[in-house]
Amino acid sequence: MDLYKQTLDFQEALIKHLTTTEAMDEHAYETLRKELIEKVSLKEFIPPFLIQNRTVQHLNQSIKASLPTYAQRRTYIRESFSRLLDVLEFGETFSVESEQMTKKAFISYSTDDKIIAGKLKSVLEGYDIPSFMAHDDIEVSEEWSKRILEEVNSCSIFVCLLSKSFIKSEFCLQETGIAASRGDICIIPLSLDGTIPPGFLKKFQSSKLNSEQIGIQDFLPAFLKSDLRMAIAIDLP
């Protein structure tokens, strides 16, 4: 069986495992995962959740906790595999180079904190880092959950604006769960009122944000840890 067909079958088996009673065999998961990860040329296209979750048990804990509905899980798995399947079917040149090179940020926030989130977006875009805010960037006609999954799955920087309102938001907690399941992004928790990172983000240290003096300095510590080249490229005022 060629690798494209094998990977497509793996994707569908994972969807069945996470959306039906048809559980995936532990040995099959570990074997298929290992075969993909050992393909060095495919490393940048492999779904991050496969790299992070070595066993079916880990997979269940990660995906089921952050994506409670079957529809969300189905969309997430397919979106995660899309680039890998494109490369296997059409070749690496099919991948859009600009997408790989461009830094993109996703800002997760409660609607109560929308104005401050907008300030964060302005700062990042002032340094040529396109930033996504759901209420600003999703058209009324677009399918809300699908677009959010796409953006969280494709961003390279995930900023969560922590507050008491954030913790009460089901959507914010789901977004952070998805981001935490990835191992290839820069996660930046910024706290407005002392709220600490929830759930899977507890391992990340948050920084207190002064909403009256927001600037690129609020992002630099995380950039220095996760992407030194990006930190160096920023022209500080």
Protein backbone atom coordinates (compact mmCIF):
# COMPACT_ATOMS: atom_id res chain seq x y z
CA MET A 1 0.00 0.00 0.00
CA ASP A 2 1.42 3.43 -0.92
CA LEU A 3 2.02 5.97 1.83
CA TYR A 4 -0.72 8.33 0.63
CA LYS A 5 -3.40 5.62 0.89
CA GLN A 6 -2.01 4.40 4.20
CA THR A 7 -2.08 7.93 5.63
CA LEU A 8 -5.61 8.53 4.35
CA ASP A 9 -6.74 5.29 6.02
CA PHE A 10 -4.98 6.36 9.23
CA GLN A 11 -6.86 9.66 9.17
CA GLU A 12 -10.22 7.91 8.76
CA ALA A 13 -9.39 5.37 11.49
CA LEU A 14 -8.63 8.23 13.88
CA ILE A 15 -11.91 9.94 13.00
CA LYS A 16 -13.83 6.72 13.69
CA HIS A 17 -11.96 6.25 16.95
CA LEU A 18 -12.83 9.75 18.15
CA THR A 19 -16.41 9.93 16.86
CA THR A 20 -17.79 6.38 17.11
CA THR A 21 -17.54 3.29 19.33
CA GLU A 22 -15.02 1.78 16.88
CA ALA A 23 -11.86 2.14 18.98
CA MET A 24 -8.45 2.12 17.35
CA ASP A 25 -6.02 -0.63 18.31
CA GLU A 26 -3.10 0.66 20.38
CA HIS A 27 -0.51 -1.28 18.37
CA ALA A 28 -1.94 -0.04 15.06
CA TYR A 29 -1.83 3.57 16.26
CA GLU A 30 1.75 3.33 17.49
CA THR A 31 2.92 1.55 14.31
CA LEU A 32 1.30 4.00 11.88
CA ARG A 33 2.44 6.98 13.93
CA LYS A 34 6.03 5.70 13.98
CA GLU A 35 6.09 5.11 10.21
CA LEU A 36 5.10 8.73 9.56
CA ILE A 37 7.39 10.30 12.13
CA GLU A 38 10.40 8.37 10.80
CA LYS A 39 9.94 10.00 7.38
CA VAL A 40 12.30 12.93 7.95
CA SER A 41 11.25 14.70 4.73
CA LEU A 42 7.65 14.85 5.99
CA LYS A 43 8.42 16.20 9.46
CA GLU A 44 7.01 19.70 8.94
CA PHE A 45 3.76 18.34 7.48
CA ILE A 46 2.91 15.74 10.15
CA PRO A 47 -0.11 16.69 12.31
CA PRO A 48 1.28 18.15 15.56
CA PHE A 49 -1.09 16.10 17.70
CA LEU A 50 0.52 12.89 16.37
CA ILE A 51 3.94 14.05 17.47
CA GLN A 52 2.65 15.05 20.90
CA ASN A 53 0.52 11.97 21.64
CA ARG A 54 2.53 8.75 21.70
CA THR A 55 -0.32 6.44 22.72
CA VAL A 56 -4.06 6.14 22.19
CA GLN A 57 -4.58 7.02 25.83
CA HIS A 58 -2.66 10.27 25.40
CA LEU A 59 -4.63 11.00 22.24
CA ASN A 60 -7.93 10.50 24.05
CA GLN A 61 -6.93 12.77 26.90
CA SER A 62 -5.78 15.52 24.56
CA ILE A 63 -8.43 15.55 21.83
CA LYS A 64 -11.52 14.54 23.76
CA ALA A 65 -10.86 17.05 26.51
CA SER A 66 -10.38 20.01 24.17
CA LEU A 67 -12.97 19.10 21.51
CA PRO A 68 -16.17 17.82 23.15
CA THR A 69 -18.29 17.31 20.00
CA TYR A 70 -17.85 14.75 17.23
CA ALA A 71 -18.14 17.44 14.55
CA GLN A 72 -15.27 19.43 16.08
CA ARG A 73 -13.05 16.35 16.29
CA ARG A 74 -13.82 15.30 12.72
CA THR A 75 -13.00 18.76 11.36
CA TYR A 76 -9.84 19.04 13.44
CA ILE A 77 -8.43 15.68 12.31
CA ARG A 78 -9.10 16.39 8.63
CA GLU A 79 -7.65 19.89 8.80
CA SER A 80 -4.57 18.54 10.60
CA PHE A 81 -3.92 15.92 7.91
CA SER A 82 -4.70 18.14 4.90
CA ARG A 83 -1.18 19.47 4.21
CA LEU A 84 0.42 16.05 4.69
CA LEU A 85 -2.02 14.39 2.30
CA ASP A 86 -1.53 17.17 -0.28
CA VAL A 87 2.25 16.64 -0.17
CA LEU A 88 1.95 12.85 -0.42
CA GLU A 89 -0.43 13.07 -3.36
CA PHE A 90 1.02 15.98 -5.32
CA GLY A 91 4.59 16.42 -4.03
CA GLU A 92 6.28 18.94 -1.74
CA THR A 93 6.19 21.71 -4.34
CA PHE A 94 2.41 21.74 -3.93
CA SER A 95 2.79 23.24 -0.46
CA VAL A 96 2.48 27.02 -0.44
CA GLU A 97 5.85 28.37 0.64
CA SER A 98 4.49 31.69 1.82
CA GLU A 99 2.20 29.89 4.26
CA GLN A 100 5.16 28.04 5.74
CA MET A 101 7.25 31.18 6.13
CA THR A 102 4.66 33.70 7.32
CA LYS A 103 4.18 34.08 11.04
CA LYS A 104 0.49 34.23 11.94
CA ALA A 105 -1.03 34.89 15.34
CA PHE A 106 -4.34 33.74 16.80
CA ILE A 107 -5.71 35.88 19.63
CA SER A 108 -8.03 34.02 22.00
CA TYR A 109 -10.13 36.31 24.19
CA SER A 110 -13.48 36.85 25.85
CA THR A 111 -15.85 39.30 24.19
CA ASP A 112 -15.64 41.33 27.43
CA ASP A 113 -11.97 41.97 26.61
CA LYS A 114 -12.39 42.67 22.90
CA ILE A 115 -10.98 46.21 23.02
CA ILE A 116 -7.74 45.08 24.68
CA ALA A 117 -7.47 42.14 22.26
CA GLY A 118 -7.72 44.67 19.45
CA LYS A 119 -4.76 46.55 20.90
CA LEU A 120 -2.71 43.32 20.93
CA LYS A 121 -3.63 42.73 17.29
CA SER A 122 -2.54 46.26 16.34
CA VAL A 123 0.84 45.80 18.02
CA LEU A 124 1.53 42.49 16.29
CA GLU A 125 0.42 43.72 12.87
CA GLY A 126 2.62 46.77 13.36
CA TYR A 127 5.52 44.29 13.28
CA ASP A 128 4.17 42.48 10.18
CA ILE A 129 2.61 39.59 12.09
CA PRO A 130 -0.93 39.04 10.74
CA SER A 131 -3.29 38.37 13.65
CA PHE A 132 -6.68 36.70 13.77
CA MET A 133 -9.53 37.85 16.01
CA ALA A 134 -12.71 35.83 15.60
CA HIS A 135 -15.23 38.66 15.96
CA ASP A 136 -13.30 40.90 13.55
CA ASP A 137 -12.18 38.37 10.97
CA ILE A 138 -15.05 35.89 10.59
CA GLU A 139 -17.78 36.87 8.17
CA VAL A 140 -21.37 36.34 9.28
CA SER A 141 -21.91 33.75 6.54
CA GLU A 142 -18.86 31.65 7.47
CA GLU A 143 -19.16 28.47 9.52
CA TRP A 144 -17.86 29.69 12.86
CA SER A 145 -16.34 26.58 14.43
CA LYS A 146 -14.72 25.36 11.18
CA ARG A 147 -12.97 28.69 10.59
CA ILE A 148 -11.71 28.86 14.18
CA LEU A 149 -10.31 25.33 13.95
CA GLU A 150 -8.54 26.21 10.71
CA GLU A 151 -7.00 29.34 12.22
CA VAL A 152 -5.85 27.69 15.48
CA ASN A 153 -4.41 24.79 13.49
CA SER A 154 -2.47 27.02 11.08
CA CYS A 155 -1.23 29.79 13.38
CA SER A 156 2.38 29.96 14.53
CA ILE A 157 1.68 32.19 17.55
CA PHE A 158 -1.20 31.65 19.99
CA VAL A 159 -1.98 34.55 22.32
CA CYS A 160 -4.52 34.01 25.08
CA LEU A 161 -5.82 37.08 26.89
CA LEU A 162 -6.54 35.64 30.34
CA SER A 163 -9.21 37.05 32.61
CA LYS A 164 -12.09 35.87 34.77
CA SER A 165 -14.32 36.23 31.69
CA PHE A 166 -11.89 34.13 29.62
CA ILE A 167 -12.12 31.22 32.08
CA LYS A 168 -15.93 31.31 31.86
CA SER A 169 -15.89 31.12 28.05
CA GLU A 170 -16.38 27.63 26.59
CA PHE A 171 -14.97 28.77 23.25
CA CYS A 172 -11.80 30.21 24.82
CA LEU A 173 -11.12 26.99 26.73
CA GLN A 174 -11.61 24.90 23.58
CA GLU A 175 -9.22 27.12 21.63
CA THR A 176 -6.54 26.81 24.32
CA GLY A 177 -6.99 23.03 24.39
CA ILE A 178 -6.39 22.77 20.65
CA ALA A 179 -3.35 25.06 20.82
CA ALA A 180 -1.88 23.07 23.70
CA SER A 181 -2.18 19.83 21.68
CA ARG A 182 0.23 21.27 19.13
CA GLY A 183 3.96 21.20 19.74
CA ASP A 184 5.07 23.60 17.04
CA ILE A 185 3.69 26.98 18.08
CA CYS A 186 4.61 29.83 20.38
CA ILE A 187 2.00 30.10 23.14
CA ILE A 188 1.78 33.46 24.95
CA PRO A 189 -0.56 33.70 27.96
CA LEU A 190 -1.13 37.34 28.99
CA SER A 191 -3.16 37.97 32.14
CA LEU A 192 -5.30 41.04 32.73
CA ASP A 193 -6.32 40.32 36.33
CA GLY A 194 -4.01 37.63 37.69
CA THR A 195 -5.92 34.74 36.10
CA ILE A 196 -3.54 31.82 35.52
CA PRO A 197 -3.41 29.60 32.41
CA PRO A 198 -6.13 26.92 32.53
CA GLY A 199 -6.09 23.20 31.73
CA PHE A 200 -3.43 22.11 29.27
CA LEU A 201 -1.80 25.55 29.42
CA LYS A 202 -0.90 25.30 33.11
CA LYS A 203 2.70 24.48 32.21
CA PHE A 204 3.07 27.92 30.60
CA GLN A 205 4.01 30.94 32.71
CA SER A 206 1.68 33.88 32.15
CA SER A 207 2.74 37.53 32.18
CA LYS A 208 0.76 40.38 33.70
CA LEU A 209 -0.49 42.73 31.01
CA ASN A 210 -0.84 46.47 31.58
CA SER A 211 -3.76 47.30 29.29
CA GLU A 212 -2.72 50.96 29.22
CA GLN A 213 0.82 50.27 27.98
CA ILE A 214 0.61 47.39 25.51
CA GLY A 215 3.65 46.96 23.27
CA ILE A 216 5.87 44.45 21.52
CA GLN A 217 7.77 44.00 24.81
CA ASP A 218 4.78 41.96 26.08
CA PHE A 219 5.53 39.31 23.45
CA LEU A 220 9.34 39.32 23.39
CA PRO A 221 10.01 36.92 26.33
CA ALA A 222 7.95 34.20 24.61
CA PHE A 223 9.55 34.94 21.22
CA LEU A 224 13.02 34.61 22.75
CA LYS A 225 12.14 31.17 24.12
CA SER A 226 10.37 29.73 21.09
CA ASP A 227 11.76 31.54 18.03
CA LEU A 228 15.01 33.42 18.52
CA ARG A 229 15.16 34.44 14.86
CA MET A 230 11.81 36.19 15.10
CA ALA A 231 12.84 38.00 18.29
CA ILE A 232 16.08 39.17 16.69
CA ALA A 233 14.25 40.37 13.56
CA ILE A 234 11.98 42.68 15.56
CA ASP A 235 13.14 46.27 15.30
CA LEU A 236 12.55 47.66 18.78
CA PRO A 237 11.61 51.33 19.09
